[in-house]
């Protein structure tokens, strides 16, 4: 009742506030406060909000068609990736003029913060934001963590700008209260006295996953990559830093065949920094598979990242549909340019980061986006699905045709199990998986074990980078957006995982089965078969 009353008050503010010169129309609204958050009162009027405004992009349908054309192995355009100018995202000149004029009328000077000109930023106090967007910003508190955020449940824009403004952020999108990074499952230990690389035979891999284990399990070669432009990016957020000293220790202990002086390139964005202090988690695993470099996320127009892996996400119900669509289109842009985009599926089984009181399964974002590759987790030898591996069906995005056959077969076998708890017609995830339990890392100068799909995504990304290296050496196009390949010729080049499940919400979750399943996707990498599948 309280949530409904709050929502009604927001709509009242949006519809019945002091009339402005221009007619206002509700642009985005959410029906209720996301689970786990409570309303804590009005936001202080003098608090400054750093807002970002997305303009409507020019041709998202054209972008999607182009992405499918260059990513479908049987297409005549396969591998003919687009230039920056061809990715259909620049807003129309009319949109640029109309929105800047509206902001100027309200004494707001906005900065363009994206190369295509489709994102603007400006800082204004809450009092002015309330008037500009005909709403009321409030303070919301996450009950479990105590973290507070200033958000609203609905906001409005001038009715004549509906075709020009995509969204304003942050407004109705709530933050992810949890880092959702791999959890340390044993204390860091001192530098081992044994040669871990030679000691890591398949028997030991049942309890500890090292680079040597992954080389054996997935057939990953030990020879170095050859192409210097082979670029793999690893995203880092929320004060997670890649540490050079820990990387040196990791290479010394686990990959003595790689010079311990090997390092990474750093590109900071939006005020980010890397002070080289010890962090809670080392994040250099990708270098253990002979990837030449971790490259800047902003590249010259003539070059771009070949692979990008990200181990962060959030519950789909905390993000607005407009923002989810906008971000998903950004992944499509990267895919059309030739970049393979991979994300960890999450570590909460079918529950996301909900508590046990949840009654329906909660998909994660961006795994529900159809234009990226979602990576789940396995564990043990022989491999079984990891119980924490998030997977399921999006409530935002429809099921893409490239996975309809595989998903339909799974749903037929599933029958009425968990009926009503998930969206059977939604985009299904994960797409693939890799080891994610008891992964050996170095942090703070010592070794330790971690768990999470945050390990799985960079592992699979490293395999993709090595395949790209072979393709580039042979003069063939890069893989780019992976899913159309994975769900067709690539499906039989993966190790099918058929045991385990991902419980949550007081259920057993989804069971792993033959072919695709919402725990491990299509399976884990088999490097030699994948080489053949990509034509090497």
Foldseek 3Di string as FASTA:
>chain_A
DVFQVQQVVFVCLAQPNDDDPFDKDWQAFDRGDPPQKDFDWFDPQFDKDKKKWFWAFACLPVLVVLLCQCQFPVHPNDQVFDFPVPNRGAADPVLVVVVCVLCVVLVWDWDQDDPSSRMIITMDGQNSVCVQFSGTWTWMARNPPRDIDTEGRITIHGPVNSNTTLDMPDHQFDDFPDFQDWDFPDDFDAQDPDQVQVVPDQVVQQQADALNNCCVLQVQDPDAQDDLQLEEAEDDDDPDAAALVQQLSNCVRRPVVDHSNQDADDDDPPPDDHPRDFDPDHDDRLPSRRRRYHDYCDDPSVGHHQEYEYEGWAWPVNGTLSVLVVVLSVLSSQLSNNYAYEYEQGFAFQDTPDDLQDDAGIGIPPQQRPQHAYAFAWHGVVTAFDQRTYWAFDPRAFADPLCVVLLVVQPVVVDCVRPPRHDSGGHTDHAAYYHFWNYWGGTPNGITGTGGSNVTRSSQRSLLSSLQSVCVVVVHRRNRRPRSLCSPLVLVQADQHFAAGHDGSPDRHWGGHAAADGRGRSHHGNNVSVNVSVPD
